[in-house]
Amino acid sequence: MPKHLGIVGVSAEGAALCYRTVCVEGAELFGRHGHPEVTLHTYSLADYMRHIDADDWHAVGDMVLASVAHLQRSGAELVICPDNTVHQAIDLVRDRSPLPWLHIAPQAIYWVTRHLQSLYGVKSFVITENGVGYEDQPDTRGEILDLHRREYLRNYLLAVQRATVERIPVHGYFAWSFIDNFEWAYGYAKRFGLVYNDYATQRRTPKLSAQWYAAVARENRVL
């Protein structure tokens, strides 16, 4: 556990919840009322909202990074930004998904499980949902060659493999999802499935990613 945590505050609710979580979990590690030193930095929410309303996410990202710089100068060893909205402004990944809330960062599975095991002694991890949505359509032969999804899953599984090689206890991984379905935010517009679902006829067709994933399962290794 770091001795000094920094919190990038955006909304009061998010910052307060983050601080409360640090206090609760810190007490479990350090004893009654114990927790690391905590420093909060925030700009006015009005300043954030002005840029968000203008759809200027570069400016939002600059504000977040400026807060991080303040916290680093204060001595924070680990910085947390507990706000889902401004995460759209932080480009930490090489690739981009077609969904603004879904960031492609396969290395996160390795680092998160590693840190959680180190900090909290977690005995077992199961990745219960990992996938990405695209507008998959059959080609002229009726095949769905979703190479983008295959590479997405492959990179995440390689991160899981890296964790298990280092004896981090990742005991399960589930791809999302088995079949195209109704998504809570995008309805039928984005397809997450390994199996293509023709919504008009309900005919199911395994995509390229499904064939690859089946081979991975059979051979028990990342191909």
C-alpha atoms as a PDB file:
ATOM      1  CA  MET A   1       0.000   0.000   0.000  1.00  0.00           C
ATOM      2  CA  PRO A   2       1.460   3.422  -0.939  1.00  0.00           C
ATOM      3  CA  LYS A   3       2.093   5.719   2.008  1.00  0.00           C
ATOM      4  CA  HIS A   4       0.743   8.761   0.166  1.00  0.00           C
ATOM      5  CA  LEU A   5      -2.276   8.701  -2.158  1.00  0.00           C
ATOM      6  CA  GLY A   6      -3.434  11.492  -4.428  1.00  0.00           C
ATOM      7  CA  ILE A   7      -7.042  12.002  -5.536  1.00  0.00           C
ATOM      8  CA  VAL A   8      -7.883  13.966  -8.685  1.00  0.00           C
ATOM      9  CA  GLY A   9     -11.250  15.407  -7.740  1.00  0.00           C
ATOM     10  CA  VAL A  10     -13.800  16.290 -10.406  1.00  0.00           C
ATOM     11  CA  SER A  11     -17.242  15.720  -8.911  1.00  0.00           C
ATOM     12  CA  ALA A  12     -17.709  16.058  -5.157  1.00  0.00           C
ATOM     13  CA  GLU A  13     -19.502  12.707  -5.046  1.00  0.00           C
ATOM     14  CA  GLY A  14     -16.694  10.802  -6.735  1.00  0.00           C
ATOM     15  CA  ALA A  15     -13.941  12.393  -4.653  1.00  0.00           C
ATOM     16  CA  ALA A  16     -15.850  11.841  -1.398  1.00  0.00           C
ATOM     17  CA  LEU A  17     -16.572   8.196  -2.229  1.00  0.00           C
ATOM     18  CA  CYS A  18     -12.934   7.597  -3.123  1.00  0.00           C
ATOM     19  CA  TYR A  19     -11.703   9.130   0.137  1.00  0.00           C
ATOM     20  CA  ARG A  20     -14.220   7.130   2.151  1.00  0.00           C
ATOM     21  CA  THR A  21     -13.086   3.914   0.420  1.00  0.00           C
ATOM     22  CA  VAL A  22      -9.458   4.672   1.249  1.00  0.00           C
ATOM     23  CA  CYS A  23     -10.395   5.208   4.895  1.00  0.00           C
ATOM     24  CA  VAL A  24     -12.452   2.011   5.132  1.00  0.00           C
ATOM     25  CA  GLU A  25      -9.942  -0.232   3.380  1.00  0.00           C
ATOM     26  CA  GLY A  26      -6.997   1.500   5.058  1.00  0.00           C
ATOM     27  CA  ALA A  27      -8.405   0.613   8.460  1.00  0.00           C
ATOM     28  CA  GLU A  28      -8.473  -3.039   7.436  1.00  0.00           C
ATOM     29  CA  LEU A  29      -4.742  -2.893   6.659  1.00  0.00           C
ATOM     30  CA  PHE A  30      -3.427  -0.435   9.237  1.00  0.00           C
ATOM     31  CA  GLY A  31      -5.831  -0.857  12.105  1.00  0.00           C
ATOM     32  CA  ARG A  32      -8.581   1.324  13.537  1.00  0.00           C
ATOM     33  CA  HIS A  33      -8.699   4.768  11.847  1.00  0.00           C
ATOM     34  CA  GLY A  34      -5.499   4.014   9.938  1.00  0.00           C
ATOM     35  CA  HIS A  35      -4.985   4.936   6.288  1.00  0.00           C
ATOM     36  CA  PRO A  36      -2.276   6.432   4.040  1.00  0.00           C
ATOM     37  CA  GLU A  37      -1.716  10.148   3.758  1.00  0.00           C
ATOM     38  CA  VAL A  38      -4.244  11.532   1.268  1.00  0.00           C
ATOM     39  CA  THR A  39      -3.963  14.683  -0.821  1.00  0.00           C
ATOM     40  CA  LEU A  40      -6.825  15.983  -2.972  1.00  0.00           C
ATOM     41  CA  HIS A  41      -6.501  18.397  -5.856  1.00  0.00           C
ATOM     42  CA  THR A  42      -9.408  19.707  -7.899  1.00  0.00           C
ATOM     43  CA  TYR A  43     -10.276  22.504 -10.235  1.00  0.00           C
ATOM     44  CA  SER A  44     -13.743  24.001 -10.239  1.00  0.00           C
ATOM     45  CA  LEU A  45     -16.359  21.625 -11.639  1.00  0.00           C
ATOM     46  CA  ALA A  46     -17.614  24.620 -13.627  1.00  0.00           C
ATOM     47  CA  ASP A  47     -14.299  24.700 -15.502  1.00  0.00           C
ATOM     48  CA  TYR A  48     -14.582  20.996 -16.319  1.00  0.00           C
ATOM     49  CA  MET A  49     -18.191  21.375 -17.443  1.00  0.00           C
ATOM     50  CA  ARG A  50     -17.377  24.296 -19.724  1.00  0.00           C
ATOM     51  CA  HIS A  51     -14.971  22.072 -21.668  1.00  0.00           C
ATOM     52  CA  ILE A  52     -17.232  19.014 -21.527  1.00  0.00           C
ATOM     53  CA  ASP A  53     -20.210  21.002 -22.842  1.00  0.00           C
ATOM     54  CA  ALA A  54     -18.003  22.244 -25.674  1.00  0.00           C
ATOM     55  CA  ASP A  55     -16.921  18.651 -26.395  1.00  0.00           C
ATOM     56  CA  ASP A  56     -13.304  19.742 -25.871  1.00  0.00           C
ATOM     57  CA  TRP A  57     -11.890  16.558 -24.346  1.00  0.00           C
ATOM     58  CA  HIS A  58      -8.305  17.621 -24.963  1.00  0.00           C
ATOM     59  CA  ALA A  59      -8.831  20.496 -22.543  1.00  0.00           C
ATOM     60  CA  VAL A  60     -10.445  18.136 -20.025  1.00  0.00           C
ATOM     61  CA  GLY A  61      -7.443  15.839 -20.274  1.00  0.00           C
ATOM     62  CA  ASP A  62      -5.076  18.774 -19.747  1.00  0.00           C
ATOM     63  CA  MET A  63      -6.929  19.675 -16.537  1.00  0.00           C
ATOM     64  CA  VAL A  64      -6.690  16.117 -15.221  1.00  0.00           C
ATOM     65  CA  LEU A  65      -2.968  15.943 -15.986  1.00  0.00           C
ATOM     66  CA  ALA A  66      -2.407  19.332 -14.347  1.00  0.00           C
ATOM     67  CA  SER A  67      -4.035  17.962 -11.178  1.00  0.00           C
ATOM     68  CA  VAL A  68      -1.781  14.916 -11.372  1.00  0.00           C
ATOM     69  CA  ALA A  69       1.260  17.205 -11.597  1.00  0.00           C
ATOM     70  CA  HIS A  70       0.129  19.060  -8.445  1.00  0.00           C
ATOM     71  CA  LEU A  71      -0.273  15.762  -6.611  1.00  0.00           C
ATOM     72  CA  GLN A  72       3.106  14.487  -7.739  1.00  0.00           C
ATOM     73  CA  ARG A  73       4.736  17.645  -6.393  1.00  0.00           C
ATOM     74  CA  SER A  74       2.972  17.045  -3.080  1.00  0.00           C
ATOM     75  CA  GLY A  75       4.640  13.634  -2.829  1.00  0.00           C
ATOM     76  CA  ALA A  76       1.774  11.339  -3.850  1.00  0.00           C
ATOM     77  CA  GLU A  77       3.038   7.886  -4.847  1.00  0.00           C
ATOM     78  CA  LEU A  78      -0.221   6.783  -6.481  1.00  0.00           C
ATOM     79  CA  VAL A  79      -2.875   8.999  -8.052  1.00  0.00           C
ATOM     80  CA  ILE A  80      -6.539   8.039  -8.450  1.00  0.00           C
ATOM     81  CA  CYS A  81      -9.138   9.792 -10.603  1.00  0.00           C
ATOM     82  CA  PRO A  82     -12.532   8.424  -9.459  1.00  0.00           C
ATOM     83  CA  ASP A  83     -14.648   9.942 -12.221  1.00  0.00           C
ATOM     84  CA  ASN A  84     -15.852   7.863 -15.150  1.00  0.00           C
ATOM     85  CA  THR A  85     -16.752  10.821 -17.356  1.00  0.00           C
ATOM     86  CA  VAL A  86     -13.360  12.512 -17.578  1.00  0.00           C
ATOM     87  CA  HIS A  87     -11.676   9.178 -18.269  1.00  0.00           C
ATOM     88  CA  GLN A  88     -12.842   9.728 -21.849  1.00  0.00           C
ATOM     89  CA  ALA A  89     -10.206  12.453 -22.069  1.00  0.00           C
ATOM     90  CA  ILE A  90      -7.236  10.285 -21.158  1.00  0.00           C
ATOM     91  CA  ASP A  91      -5.677   8.509 -24.081  1.00  0.00           C
ATOM     92  CA  LEU A  92      -3.560   5.775 -22.484  1.00  0.00           C
ATOM     93  CA  VAL A  93      -4.006   3.177 -25.172  1.00  0.00           C
ATOM     94  CA  ARG A  94      -2.694   2.485 -28.639  1.00  0.00           C
ATOM     95  CA  ASP A  95      -6.002   1.486 -30.172  1.00  0.00           C
ATOM     96  CA  ARG A  96      -9.459   2.957 -29.948  1.00  0.00           C
ATOM     97  CA  SER A  97     -12.763   1.178 -29.620  1.00  0.00           C
ATOM     98  CA  PRO A  98     -15.873   2.471 -31.390  1.00  0.00           C
ATOM     99  CA  LEU A  99     -17.468   3.134 -27.988  1.00  0.00           C
ATOM    100  CA  PRO A 100     -16.441   6.278 -26.072  1.00  0.00           C
ATOM    101  CA  TRP A 101     -16.647   4.565 -22.668  1.00  0.00           C
ATOM    102  CA  LEU A 102     -14.714   1.416 -23.614  1.00  0.00           C
ATOM    103  CA  HIS A 103     -10.948   1.914 -23.514  1.00  0.00           C
ATOM    104  CA  ILE A 104      -8.709  -0.745 -25.024  1.00  0.00           C
ATOM    105  CA  ALA A 105      -5.873  -1.273 -22.549  1.00  0.00           C
ATOM    106  CA  PRO A 106      -4.988  -4.978 -22.221  1.00  0.00           C
ATOM    107  CA  GLN A 107      -2.062  -4.228 -19.922  1.00  0.00           C
ATOM    108  CA  ALA A 108      -4.603  -3.117 -17.299  1.00  0.00           C
ATOM    109  CA  ILE A 109      -5.580  -6.725 -16.490  1.00  0.00           C
ATOM    110  CA  TYR A 110      -1.983  -7.546 -15.620  1.00  0.00           C
ATOM    111  CA  TRP A 111      -1.277  -4.436 -13.564  1.00  0.00           C
ATOM    112  CA  VAL A 112      -4.590  -4.374 -11.705  1.00  0.00           C
ATOM    113  CA  THR A 113      -4.365  -8.016 -10.626  1.00  0.00           C
ATOM    114  CA  ARG A 114      -0.707  -7.610  -9.702  1.00  0.00           C
ATOM    115  CA  HIS A 115      -1.357  -4.536  -7.549  1.00  0.00           C
ATOM    116  CA  LEU A 116      -4.442  -6.000  -5.886  1.00  0.00           C
ATOM    117  CA  GLN A 117      -2.581  -9.157  -4.961  1.00  0.00           C
ATOM    118  CA  SER A 118       0.355  -7.137  -3.649  1.00  0.00           C
ATOM    119  CA  LEU A 119      -1.732  -4.627  -1.699  1.00  0.00           C
ATOM    120  CA  TYR A 120      -4.592  -6.769  -0.419  1.00  0.00           C
ATOM    121  CA  GLY A 121      -3.405 -10.363  -0.727  1.00  0.00           C
ATOM    122  CA  VAL A 122      -6.259 -11.372  -3.058  1.00  0.00           C
ATOM    123  CA  LYS A 123      -6.303 -15.183  -3.324  1.00  0.00           C
ATOM    124  CA  SER A 124      -8.190 -15.584  -6.600  1.00  0.00           C
ATOM    125  CA  PHE A 125      -9.196 -13.442  -9.567  1.00  0.00           C
ATOM    126  CA  VAL A 126     -11.849 -14.197 -12.179  1.00  0.00           C
ATOM    127  CA  ILE A 127     -12.238 -11.851 -15.156  1.00  0.00           C
ATOM    128  CA  THR A 128     -16.002 -12.158 -15.523  1.00  0.00           C
ATOM    129  CA  GLU A 129     -16.553  -9.927 -18.565  1.00  0.00           C
ATOM    130  CA  ASN A 130     -14.157  -8.744 -21.249  1.00  0.00           C
ATOM    131  CA  GLY A 131     -15.111  -7.824 -24.786  1.00  0.00           C
ATOM    132  CA  VAL A 132     -15.656  -5.103 -27.349  1.00  0.00           C
ATOM    133  CA  GLY A 133     -18.493  -4.085 -29.651  1.00  0.00           C
ATOM    134  CA  TYR A 134     -18.289  -3.452 -33.374  1.00  0.00           C
ATOM    135  CA  GLU A 135     -20.708  -3.256 -36.296  1.00  0.00           C
ATOM    136  CA  ASP A 136     -19.958  -6.741 -37.607  1.00  0.00           C
ATOM    137  CA  GLN A 137     -21.575  -7.787 -40.873  1.00  0.00           C
ATOM    138  CA  PRO A 138     -21.235 -10.948 -43.017  1.00  0.00           C
ATOM    139  CA  ASP A 139     -19.181 -10.741 -46.194  1.00  0.00           C
ATOM    140  CA  THR A 140     -20.394 -12.013 -49.599  1.00  0.00           C
ATOM    141  CA  ARG A 141     -19.720 -15.602 -48.507  1.00  0.00           C
ATOM    142  CA  GLY A 142     -21.639 -15.180 -45.273  1.00  0.00           C
ATOM    143  CA  GLU A 143     -18.514 -15.193 -43.120  1.00  0.00           C
ATOM    144  CA  ILE A 144     -17.816 -12.665 -40.348  1.00  0.00           C
ATOM    145  CA  LEU A 145     -14.084 -11.976 -40.352  1.00  0.00           C
ATOM    146  CA  ASP A 146     -13.798  -9.960 -37.136  1.00  0.00           C
ATOM    147  CA  LEU A 147     -10.005  -9.758 -37.002  1.00  0.00           C
ATOM    148  CA  HIS A 148     -10.273  -6.656 -34.786  1.00  0.00           C
ATOM    149  CA  ARG A 149     -12.094  -8.636 -32.068  1.00  0.00           C
ATOM    150  CA  ARG A 150      -9.707 -11.564 -32.340  1.00  0.00           C
ATOM    151  CA  GLU A 151      -6.742  -9.260 -31.784  1.00  0.00           C
ATOM    152  CA  TYR A 152      -8.538  -7.546 -28.908  1.00  0.00           C
ATOM    153  CA  LEU A 153      -9.142 -10.854 -27.118  1.00  0.00           C
ATOM    154  CA  ARG A 154      -5.684 -12.155 -27.940  1.00  0.00           C
ATOM    155  CA  ASN A 155      -3.975  -9.128 -26.402  1.00  0.00           C
ATOM    156  CA  TYR A 156      -6.061  -9.371 -23.240  1.00  0.00           C
ATOM    157  CA  LEU A 157      -5.399 -13.094 -22.903  1.00  0.00           C
ATOM    158  CA  LEU A 158      -1.674 -12.456 -23.291  1.00  0.00           C
ATOM    159  CA  ALA A 159      -1.943 -10.023 -20.367  1.00  0.00           C
ATOM    160  CA  VAL A 160      -3.728 -12.718 -18.345  1.00  0.00           C
ATOM    161  CA  GLN A 161      -1.017 -15.192 -19.308  1.00  0.00           C
ATOM    162  CA  ARG A 162       1.653 -12.747 -18.169  1.00  0.00           C
ATOM    163  CA  ALA A 163      -0.084 -12.559 -14.784  1.00  0.00           C
ATOM    164  CA  THR A 164      -0.355 -16.336 -14.381  1.00  0.00           C
ATOM    165  CA  VAL A 165       3.296 -16.839 -15.356  1.00  0.00           C
ATOM    166  CA  GLU A 166       4.176 -14.559 -12.435  1.00  0.00           C
ATOM    167  CA  ARG A 167       1.930 -16.674 -10.181  1.00  0.00           C
ATOM    168  CA  ILE A 168      -0.744 -14.014  -9.864  1.00  0.00           C
ATOM    169  CA  PRO A 169      -3.856 -16.120  -9.116  1.00  0.00           C
ATOM    170  CA  VAL A 170      -6.049 -15.404 -12.149  1.00  0.00           C
ATOM    171  CA  HIS A 171      -8.258 -18.498 -12.144  1.00  0.00           C
ATOM    172  CA  GLY A 172     -10.861 -17.602 -14.755  1.00  0.00           C
ATOM    173  CA  TYR A 173     -11.505 -15.466 -17.822  1.00  0.00           C
ATOM    174  CA  PHE A 174     -14.828 -14.985 -19.627  1.00  0.00           C
ATOM    175  CA  ALA A 175     -15.171 -13.284 -23.013  1.00  0.00           C
ATOM    176  CA  TRP A 176     -18.164 -10.996 -23.471  1.00  0.00           C
ATOM    177  CA  SER A 177     -20.220 -12.139 -25.086  1.00  0.00           C
ATOM    178  CA  PHE A 178     -21.115 -15.527 -26.542  1.00  0.00           C
ATOM    179  CA  ILE A 179     -23.682 -14.099 -28.961  1.00  0.00           C
ATOM    180  CA  ASP A 180     -24.734 -10.683 -30.245  1.00  0.00           C
ATOM    181  CA  ASN A 181     -27.392  -9.283 -27.948  1.00  0.00           C
ATOM    182  CA  PHE A 182     -29.253  -6.153 -26.866  1.00  0.00           C
ATOM    183  CA  GLU A 183     -26.784  -3.790 -25.236  1.00  0.00           C
ATOM    184  CA  TRP A 184     -27.948  -1.442 -22.510  1.00  0.00           C
ATOM    185  CA  ALA A 185     -26.568   1.740 -24.142  1.00  0.00           C
ATOM    186  CA  TYR A 186     -26.556   0.939 -27.872  1.00  0.00           C
ATOM    187  CA  GLY A 187     -29.364  -1.549 -28.344  1.00  0.00           C
ATOM    188  CA  TYR A 188     -28.679  -3.729 -31.385  1.00  0.00           C
ATOM    189  CA  ALA A 189     -26.315  -1.229 -33.054  1.00  0.00           C
ATOM    190  CA  LYS A 190     -23.085  -2.702 -31.630  1.00  0.00           C
ATOM    191  CA  ARG A 191     -22.277  -6.397 -31.634  1.00  0.00           C
ATOM    192  CA  PHE A 192     -20.198  -7.894 -28.826  1.00  0.00           C
ATOM    193  CA  GLY A 193     -20.732 -11.573 -29.620  1.00  0.00           C
ATOM    194  CA  LEU A 194     -18.351 -14.245 -30.802  1.00  0.00           C
ATOM    195  CA  VAL A 195     -21.374 -15.649 -32.624  1.00  0.00           C
ATOM    196  CA  TYR A 196     -23.270 -13.511 -35.135  1.00  0.00           C
ATOM    197  CA  ASN A 197     -27.003 -13.286 -34.581  1.00  0.00           C
ATOM    198  CA  ASP A 198     -29.204 -12.415 -37.566  1.00  0.00           C
ATOM    199  CA  TYR A 199     -31.897 -10.613 -35.613  1.00  0.00           C
ATOM    200  CA  ALA A 200     -34.471 -11.003 -38.384  1.00  0.00           C
ATOM    201  CA  THR A 201     -34.117 -14.782 -38.767  1.00  0.00           C
ATOM    202  CA  GLN A 202     -32.351 -15.670 -35.475  1.00  0.00           C
ATOM    203  CA  ARG A 203     -29.781 -17.623 -37.471  1.00  0.00           C
ATOM    204  CA  ARG A 204     -26.480 -17.965 -35.595  1.00  0.00           C
ATOM    205  CA  THR A 205     -23.093 -17.903 -37.341  1.00  0.00           C
ATOM    206  CA  PRO A 206     -19.788 -18.291 -35.474  1.00  0.00           C
ATOM    207  CA  LYS A 207     -17.453 -15.432 -36.298  1.00  0.00           C
ATOM    208  CA  LEU A 208     -13.727 -15.780 -36.938  1.00  0.00           C
ATOM    209  CA  SER A 209     -13.142 -14.823 -33.311  1.00  0.00           C
ATOM    210  CA  ALA A 210     -15.325 -17.738 -32.157  1.00  0.00           C
ATOM    211  CA  GLN A 211     -13.301 -20.239 -34.171  1.00  0.00           C
ATOM    212  CA  TRP A 212     -10.061 -18.805 -32.802  1.00  0.00           C
ATOM    213  CA  TYR A 213     -11.363 -18.735 -29.202  1.00  0.00           C
ATOM    214  CA  ALA A 214     -12.463 -22.373 -29.499  1.00  0.00           C
ATOM    215  CA  ALA A 215      -8.957 -23.342 -30.652  1.00  0.00           C
ATOM    216  CA  VAL A 216      -7.444 -21.462 -27.710  1.00  0.00           C
ATOM    217  CA  ALA A 217      -9.706 -23.395 -25.324  1.00  0.00           C
ATOM    218  CA  ARG A 218      -8.924 -26.747 -26.942  1.00  0.00           C
ATOM    219  CA  GLU A 219      -5.160 -26.234 -26.882  1.00  0.00           C
ATOM    220  CA  ASN A 220      -5.096 -24.385 -23.561  1.00  0.00           C
ATOM    221  CA  ARG A 221      -2.746 -21.709 -24.890  1.00  0.00           C
ATOM    222  CA  VAL A 222      -2.895 -18.318 -26.563  1.00  0.00           C
ATOM    223  CA  LEU A 223      -2.581 -18.737 -30.338  1.00  0.00           C
END
